[in-house]
C-alpha cells in the first residue's frame, strides 16, 4: 500500500514531491495531448517551485529512455515468448505498446526525475503558510 511520505507515493500519484498534497499536473487526463505534461508552476500547498531551473526536465529524458526500454522489453517478452508470435508481430507489439503508454512514460519519467531533487517534508505546508503570513 502506498503511504504518504514515500518517494513511490509521489512518483505513482504525480503529487508534489515535498508535501504530497497536490498534483503537479494541471489535468488528471494524461491522454489529452495538450495536457500530458502541462504542470503547475508551483505547489499551492507548500510553495515548491517545480521547475528548479530552465530546461530542468530535460534530464527526465534519460529516465524516459530507461522506462521506454523496460516497456519495450516487457512487450517483446509477452508477445514473443509467452504468446509465441513471430518477430515481426513482436516488433509491432513493441511499437504499439510504446505509443499507447507514451503519456504514462512521460509523466512517470518527470515524476522520477523531480523526486531525485526533493525530499518529503511533512511540515512543508505549515512552513509555507507561516512564511506567507509573516509577509
C-alpha atoms as a PDB file:
ATOM      1  CA  UNK A   1       0.000   0.000   0.000  1.00  0.00           C
ATOM      2  CA  UNK A   2       1.253   3.452  -0.860  1.00  0.00           C
ATOM      3  CA  UNK A   3       1.910   5.703   2.091  1.00  0.00           C
ATOM      4  CA  UNK A   4       2.353   9.448   2.031  1.00  0.00           C
ATOM      5  CA  UNK A   5       5.935  10.259   2.753  1.00  0.00           C
ATOM      6  CA  UNK A   6       7.456   7.711   0.403  1.00  0.00           C
ATOM      7  CA  UNK A   7       9.007   8.617  -2.920  1.00  0.00           C
ATOM      8  CA  UNK A   8       6.999   5.853  -4.537  1.00  0.00           C
ATOM      9  CA  UNK A   9       3.775   7.606  -3.465  1.00  0.00           C
ATOM     10  CA  UNK A  10       4.850  10.850  -5.112  1.00  0.00           C
ATOM     11  CA  UNK A  11       6.083   9.082  -8.249  1.00  0.00           C
ATOM     12  CA  UNK A  12       2.971   6.983  -8.828  1.00  0.00           C
ATOM     13  CA  UNK A  13       0.417   9.655  -7.896  1.00  0.00           C
ATOM     14  CA  UNK A  14       2.182  12.612  -9.517  1.00  0.00           C
ATOM     15  CA  UNK A  15       1.853  14.613  -6.324  1.00  0.00           C
ATOM     16  CA  UNK A  16       4.164  17.331  -5.066  1.00  0.00           C
ATOM     17  CA  UNK A  17       7.466  15.681  -4.066  1.00  0.00           C
ATOM     18  CA  UNK A  18       7.815  17.872  -0.989  1.00  0.00           C
ATOM     19  CA  UNK A  19       4.360  17.837   0.665  1.00  0.00           C
ATOM     20  CA  UNK A  20       2.497  15.084  -1.273  1.00  0.00           C
ATOM     21  CA  UNK A  21      -0.716  17.128  -1.051  1.00  0.00           C
ATOM     22  CA  UNK A  22      -1.352  18.422  -4.580  1.00  0.00           C
ATOM     23  CA  UNK A  23      -0.986  17.014  -8.075  1.00  0.00           C
ATOM     24  CA  UNK A  24       1.847  18.567 -10.061  1.00  0.00           C
ATOM     25  CA  UNK A  25      -0.186  18.315 -13.263  1.00  0.00           C
ATOM     26  CA  UNK A  26      -2.984  20.619 -14.368  1.00  0.00           C
ATOM     27  CA  UNK A  27      -5.094  17.766 -15.752  1.00  0.00           C
ATOM     28  CA  UNK A  28      -5.594  14.251 -14.419  1.00  0.00           C
ATOM     29  CA  UNK A  29      -6.228  13.052 -18.000  1.00  0.00           C
ATOM     30  CA  UNK A  30      -2.772  12.256 -19.339  1.00  0.00           C
ATOM     31  CA  UNK A  31      -4.150  11.118 -22.699  1.00  0.00           C
ATOM     32  CA  UNK A  32      -5.140  14.656 -23.687  1.00  0.00           C
ATOM     33  CA  UNK A  33      -2.155  15.631 -25.883  1.00  0.00           C
ATOM     34  CA  UNK A  34      -2.274  19.290 -24.829  1.00  0.00           C
ATOM     35  CA  UNK A  35      -2.323  18.429 -21.141  1.00  0.00           C
ATOM     36  CA  UNK A  36       0.020  15.423 -20.886  1.00  0.00           C
ATOM     37  CA  UNK A  37       2.974  17.283 -19.395  1.00  0.00           C
ATOM     38  CA  UNK A  38       1.339  20.638 -18.587  1.00  0.00           C
ATOM     39  CA  UNK A  39       2.346  21.290 -14.982  1.00  0.00           C
ATOM     40  CA  UNK A  40       1.562  23.909 -12.361  1.00  0.00           C
ATOM     41  CA  UNK A  41       4.388  26.397 -11.793  1.00  0.00           C
ATOM     42  CA  UNK A  42       4.487  25.669  -8.071  1.00  0.00           C
ATOM     43  CA  UNK A  43       2.610  23.781  -5.371  1.00  0.00           C
ATOM     44  CA  UNK A  44      -0.220  25.841  -3.904  1.00  0.00           C
ATOM     45  CA  UNK A  45       0.079  23.955  -0.605  1.00  0.00           C
ATOM     46  CA  UNK A  46       3.803  24.229   0.181  1.00  0.00           C
ATOM     47  CA  UNK A  47       5.036  26.685  -2.478  1.00  0.00           C
ATOM     48  CA  UNK A  48       7.583  24.323  -4.035  1.00  0.00           C
ATOM     49  CA  UNK A  49       8.652  25.513  -7.464  1.00  0.00           C
ATOM     50  CA  UNK A  50       8.624  22.521  -9.820  1.00  0.00           C
ATOM     51  CA  UNK A  51      10.968  23.900 -12.489  1.00  0.00           C
ATOM     52  CA  UNK A  52      14.089  24.405 -10.432  1.00  0.00           C
ATOM     53  CA  UNK A  53      15.895  25.947 -13.409  1.00  0.00           C
ATOM     54  CA  UNK A  54      15.237  26.468 -17.109  1.00  0.00           C
ATOM     55  CA  UNK A  55      15.187  23.190 -19.039  1.00  0.00           C
ATOM     56  CA  UNK A  56      15.081  21.265 -15.751  1.00  0.00           C
ATOM     57  CA  UNK A  57      13.001  18.416 -17.139  1.00  0.00           C
ATOM     58  CA  UNK A  58      15.432  17.667 -19.988  1.00  0.00           C
ATOM     59  CA  UNK A  59      17.062  15.284 -17.516  1.00  0.00           C
ATOM     60  CA  UNK A  60      13.829  13.301 -17.448  1.00  0.00           C
ATOM     61  CA  UNK A  61      14.640  12.175 -20.999  1.00  0.00           C
ATOM     62  CA  UNK A  62      17.261   9.815 -19.589  1.00  0.00           C
ATOM     63  CA  UNK A  63      14.703   8.325 -17.220  1.00  0.00           C
ATOM     64  CA  UNK A  64      12.205   8.133 -20.083  1.00  0.00           C
ATOM     65  CA  UNK A  65      14.687   6.171 -22.174  1.00  0.00           C
ATOM     66  CA  UNK A  66      15.062   3.601 -19.392  1.00  0.00           C
ATOM     67  CA  UNK A  67      11.308   3.333 -18.849  1.00  0.00           C
ATOM     68  CA  UNK A  68      10.667   3.035 -22.586  1.00  0.00           C
ATOM     69  CA  UNK A  69      13.242   0.271 -22.840  1.00  0.00           C
ATOM     70  CA  UNK A  70      11.626  -1.586 -19.916  1.00  0.00           C
ATOM     71  CA  UNK A  71       8.179  -1.313 -21.551  1.00  0.00           C
ATOM     72  CA  UNK A  72       9.602  -2.471 -24.897  1.00  0.00           C
ATOM     73  CA  UNK A  73      11.336  -5.483 -23.338  1.00  0.00           C
ATOM     74  CA  UNK A  74       8.141  -6.392 -21.470  1.00  0.00           C
ATOM     75  CA  UNK A  75       6.116  -6.164 -24.704  1.00  0.00           C
ATOM     76  CA  UNK A  76       8.648  -8.357 -26.507  1.00  0.00           C
ATOM     77  CA  UNK A  77       8.740 -10.982 -23.771  1.00  0.00           C
ATOM     78  CA  UNK A  78       4.949 -11.151 -23.553  1.00  0.00           C
ATOM     79  CA  UNK A  79       4.328 -11.271 -27.310  1.00  0.00           C
ATOM     80  CA  UNK A  80       7.265 -13.377 -28.488  1.00  0.00           C
ATOM     81  CA  UNK A  81       7.989 -15.722 -25.609  1.00  0.00           C
ATOM     82  CA  UNK A  82       4.636 -16.124 -23.883  1.00  0.00           C
ATOM     83  CA  UNK A  83       2.236 -15.793 -26.821  1.00  0.00           C
ATOM     84  CA  UNK A  84       4.583 -17.381 -29.358  1.00  0.00           C
ATOM     85  CA  UNK A  85       4.138 -14.733 -32.049  1.00  0.00           C
ATOM     86  CA  UNK A  86       6.643 -14.070 -34.829  1.00  0.00           C
ATOM     87  CA  UNK A  87       9.427 -11.498 -34.609  1.00  0.00           C
ATOM     88  CA  UNK A  88       7.512  -9.222 -36.959  1.00  0.00           C
ATOM     89  CA  UNK A  89       4.434  -9.365 -34.724  1.00  0.00           C
ATOM     90  CA  UNK A  90       6.585  -8.826 -31.637  1.00  0.00           C
ATOM     91  CA  UNK A  91       8.078  -5.728 -33.296  1.00  0.00           C
ATOM     92  CA  UNK A  92       4.606  -4.297 -33.904  1.00  0.00           C
ATOM     93  CA  UNK A  93       3.650  -5.167 -30.319  1.00  0.00           C
ATOM     94  CA  UNK A  94       6.627  -3.132 -29.092  1.00  0.00           C
ATOM     95  CA  UNK A  95       5.698  -0.147 -31.278  1.00  0.00           C
ATOM     96  CA  UNK A  96       2.055  -0.334 -30.187  1.00  0.00           C
ATOM     97  CA  UNK A  97       2.997  -0.602 -26.532  1.00  0.00           C
ATOM     98  CA  UNK A  98       5.290   2.426 -26.719  1.00  0.00           C
ATOM     99  CA  UNK A  99       2.629   4.506 -28.471  1.00  0.00           C
ATOM    100  CA  UNK A 100      -0.136   3.516 -26.049  1.00  0.00           C
ATOM    101  CA  UNK A 101       1.980   4.016 -22.925  1.00  0.00           C
ATOM    102  CA  UNK A 102       3.814   7.164 -24.107  1.00  0.00           C
ATOM    103  CA  UNK A 103       1.851   9.578 -21.853  1.00  0.00           C
ATOM    104  CA  UNK A 104       2.386   7.310 -18.843  1.00  0.00           C
ATOM    105  CA  UNK A 105       6.110   7.034 -19.583  1.00  0.00           C
ATOM    106  CA  UNK A 106       6.409  10.807 -19.988  1.00  0.00           C
ATOM    107  CA  UNK A 107       4.711  11.574 -16.679  1.00  0.00           C
ATOM    108  CA  UNK A 108       6.454   8.801 -14.771  1.00  0.00           C
ATOM    109  CA  UNK A 109       9.853   9.952 -16.015  1.00  0.00           C
ATOM    110  CA  UNK A 110       9.144  13.525 -14.886  1.00  0.00           C
ATOM    111  CA  UNK A 111       7.904  12.269 -11.520  1.00  0.00           C
ATOM    112  CA  UNK A 112      11.001  10.143 -11.015  1.00  0.00           C
ATOM    113  CA  UNK A 113      13.322  12.957 -12.124  1.00  0.00           C
ATOM    114  CA  UNK A 114      11.862  15.597  -9.798  1.00  0.00           C
ATOM    115  CA  UNK A 115      11.933  13.160  -6.874  1.00  0.00           C
ATOM    116  CA  UNK A 116      15.727  12.936  -7.213  1.00  0.00           C
ATOM    117  CA  UNK A 117      15.908  16.576  -6.121  1.00  0.00           C
ATOM    118  CA  UNK A 118      13.264  16.902  -3.400  1.00  0.00           C
ATOM    119  CA  UNK A 119      12.750  15.188  -0.071  1.00  0.00           C
ATOM    120  CA  UNK A 120       9.384  14.732   1.634  1.00  0.00           C
ATOM    121  CA  UNK A 121       8.797  17.234   4.407  1.00  0.00           C
ATOM    122  CA  UNK A 122       5.637  16.644   6.478  1.00  0.00           C
ATOM    123  CA  UNK A 123       5.852  20.245   7.753  1.00  0.00           C
ATOM    124  CA  UNK A 124       6.283  21.871   4.338  1.00  0.00           C
ATOM    125  CA  UNK A 125       2.699  23.124   4.131  1.00  0.00           C
ATOM    126  CA  UNK A 126       2.817  24.628   7.637  1.00  0.00           C
ATOM    127  CA  UNK A 127       6.193  26.275   6.996  1.00  0.00           C
ATOM    128  CA  UNK A 128       4.917  27.799   3.751  1.00  0.00           C
ATOM    129  CA  UNK A 129       1.753  29.043   5.455  1.00  0.00           C
ATOM    130  CA  UNK A 130       3.791  30.692   8.218  1.00  0.00           C
ATOM    131  CA  UNK A 131       6.145  32.351   5.734  1.00  0.00           C
ATOM    132  CA  UNK A 132       3.220  33.743   3.711  1.00  0.00           C
ATOM    133  CA  UNK A 133       1.502  35.051   6.838  1.00  0.00           C
ATOM    134  CA  UNK A 134       4.669  36.797   8.051  1.00  0.00           C
ATOM    135  CA  UNK A 135       4.993  38.827   4.826  1.00  0.00           C
END
